[in-house]
Amino acid sequence: MSDTIKVEGTIERKGFGTGTWALVSTSGETYELHKAPKELQHAGLKVSVEGQIRKDVMTIAMIGSVLEVNHYKIKG
């Protein structure tokens, strides 16, 4: 796996059909959350997340880099 990154932003629901959970960073970059924890599955949450970009994981949604969450903090 790659190095740990830290991202702050807002949780959003994206995609077609069943959709997927995404983190839109404060700089506007979108990350698809890999196996998003239940606590992060709420659109509009402001969060800080630590995790790894998973280049070995492909998805149907293709909305951005796949981010596997290791730690998170809900800010509001």
C-alpha atoms as a PDB file:
ATOM      1  CA  MET A   1       0.000   0.000   0.000  1.00  0.00           C
ATOM      2  CA  SER A   2       0.976   3.606  -0.464  1.00  0.00           C
ATOM      3  CA  ASP A   3       1.688   6.256   2.130  1.00  0.00           C
ATOM      4  CA  THR A   4      -1.038   7.569   4.397  1.00  0.00           C
ATOM      5  CA  ILE A   5      -2.789  10.756   3.291  1.00  0.00           C
ATOM      6  CA  LYS A   6      -4.983  13.142   5.279  1.00  0.00           C
ATOM      7  CA  VAL A   7      -8.042  14.697   3.651  1.00  0.00           C
ATOM      8  CA  GLU A   8     -10.639  17.121   5.027  1.00  0.00           C
ATOM      9  CA  GLY A   9     -13.955  17.603   3.308  1.00  0.00           C
ATOM     10  CA  THR A  10     -17.619  16.686   3.005  1.00  0.00           C
ATOM     11  CA  ILE A  11     -19.237  13.268   2.556  1.00  0.00           C
ATOM     12  CA  GLU A  12     -21.486  12.966  -0.523  1.00  0.00           C
ATOM     13  CA  ARG A  13     -23.498  10.187  -2.172  1.00  0.00           C
ATOM     14  CA  LYS A  14     -22.476   9.845  -5.838  1.00  0.00           C
ATOM     15  CA  GLY A  15     -23.153   7.696  -8.859  1.00  0.00           C
ATOM     16  CA  PHE A  16     -25.980   5.771 -10.442  1.00  0.00           C
ATOM     17  CA  GLY A  17     -28.016   2.827  -9.158  1.00  0.00           C
ATOM     18  CA  THR A  18     -26.982   1.970  -5.623  1.00  0.00           C
ATOM     19  CA  GLY A  19     -24.371   4.744  -5.744  1.00  0.00           C
ATOM     20  CA  THR A  20     -21.222   5.089  -3.693  1.00  0.00           C
ATOM     21  CA  TRP A  21     -19.947   7.195  -0.821  1.00  0.00           C
ATOM     22  CA  ALA A  22     -17.451   9.911  -1.653  1.00  0.00           C
ATOM     23  CA  LEU A  23     -15.340  12.471   0.150  1.00  0.00           C
ATOM     24  CA  VAL A  24     -15.098  15.837  -1.611  1.00  0.00           C
ATOM     25  CA  SER A  25     -12.049  17.610  -0.227  1.00  0.00           C
ATOM     26  CA  THR A  26     -11.922  21.282   0.691  1.00  0.00           C
ATOM     27  CA  SER A  27      -9.768  21.756  -2.446  1.00  0.00           C
ATOM     28  CA  GLY A  28     -12.468  20.153  -4.636  1.00  0.00           C
ATOM     29  CA  GLU A  29     -10.871  16.735  -5.253  1.00  0.00           C
ATOM     30  CA  THR A  30     -13.223  13.729  -5.054  1.00  0.00           C
ATOM     31  CA  TYR A  31     -12.273  10.414  -3.443  1.00  0.00           C
ATOM     32  CA  GLU A  32     -14.408   7.281  -3.589  1.00  0.00           C
ATOM     33  CA  LEU A  33     -14.512   5.741  -0.107  1.00  0.00           C
ATOM     34  CA  HIS A  34     -13.530   2.052  -0.136  1.00  0.00           C
ATOM     35  CA  LYS A  35     -15.789   0.106   2.261  1.00  0.00           C
ATOM     36  CA  ALA A  36     -16.935   3.324   3.939  1.00  0.00           C
ATOM     37  CA  PRO A  37     -17.555   2.905   7.687  1.00  0.00           C
ATOM     38  CA  LYS A  38     -21.264   3.154   8.634  1.00  0.00           C
ATOM     39  CA  GLU A  39     -20.553   6.326  10.632  1.00  0.00           C
ATOM     40  CA  LEU A  40     -19.393   8.056   7.428  1.00  0.00           C
ATOM     41  CA  GLN A  41     -22.425   7.023   5.367  1.00  0.00           C
ATOM     42  CA  HIS A  42     -24.306  10.295   5.858  1.00  0.00           C
ATOM     43  CA  ALA A  43     -24.319  12.963   3.143  1.00  0.00           C
ATOM     44  CA  GLY A  44     -23.264  16.404   4.327  1.00  0.00           C
ATOM     45  CA  LEU A  45     -20.937  15.287   7.139  1.00  0.00           C
ATOM     46  CA  LYS A  46     -17.787  17.387   7.535  1.00  0.00           C
ATOM     47  CA  VAL A  47     -14.895  15.020   8.240  1.00  0.00           C
ATOM     48  CA  SER A  48     -11.159  14.577   8.489  1.00  0.00           C
ATOM     49  CA  VAL A  49      -9.938  11.234   7.117  1.00  0.00           C
ATOM     50  CA  GLU A  50      -6.622   9.364   7.109  1.00  0.00           C
ATOM     51  CA  GLY A  51      -6.093   6.484   4.723  1.00  0.00           C
ATOM     52  CA  GLN A  52      -4.399   5.090   1.635  1.00  0.00           C
ATOM     53  CA  ILE A  53      -5.114   5.547  -2.052  1.00  0.00           C
ATOM     54  CA  ARG A  54      -5.891   2.068  -3.416  1.00  0.00           C
ATOM     55  CA  LYS A  55      -4.496   1.894  -6.950  1.00  0.00           C
ATOM     56  CA  ASP A  56      -5.189  -1.857  -6.980  1.00  0.00           C
ATOM     57  CA  VAL A  57      -8.973  -1.354  -6.660  1.00  0.00           C
ATOM     58  CA  MET A  58     -11.208  -0.519  -9.636  1.00  0.00           C
ATOM     59  CA  THR A  59     -14.840   0.561  -9.367  1.00  0.00           C
ATOM     60  CA  ILE A  60     -17.809   1.085 -11.649  1.00  0.00           C
ATOM     61  CA  ALA A  61     -18.430   4.604 -10.323  1.00  0.00           C
ATOM     62  CA  MET A  62     -15.021   5.966 -11.417  1.00  0.00           C
ATOM     63  CA  ILE A  63     -15.587   9.280  -9.603  1.00  0.00           C
ATOM     64  CA  GLY A  64     -12.046   9.697  -8.312  1.00  0.00           C
ATOM     65  CA  SER A  65      -9.222   7.918  -6.530  1.00  0.00           C
ATOM     66  CA  VAL A  66     -10.297   5.077  -4.238  1.00  0.00           C
ATOM     67  CA  LEU A  67      -9.505   5.960  -0.613  1.00  0.00           C
ATOM     68  CA  GLU A  68      -9.377   3.237   2.043  1.00  0.00           C
ATOM     69  CA  VAL A  69     -10.207   4.867   5.389  1.00  0.00           C
ATOM     70  CA  ASN A  70      -8.011   3.950   8.362  1.00  0.00           C
ATOM     71  CA  HIS A  71      -9.011   6.712  10.796  1.00  0.00           C
ATOM     72  CA  TYR A  72     -11.592   9.475  10.701  1.00  0.00           C
ATOM     73  CA  LYS A  73     -12.979  12.311  12.778  1.00  0.00           C
ATOM     74  CA  ILE A  74     -16.458  13.741  12.305  1.00  0.00           C
ATOM     75  CA  LYS A  75     -16.417  17.536  12.502  1.00  0.00           C
ATOM     76  CA  GLY A  76     -20.090  18.253  12.002  1.00  0.00           C
END
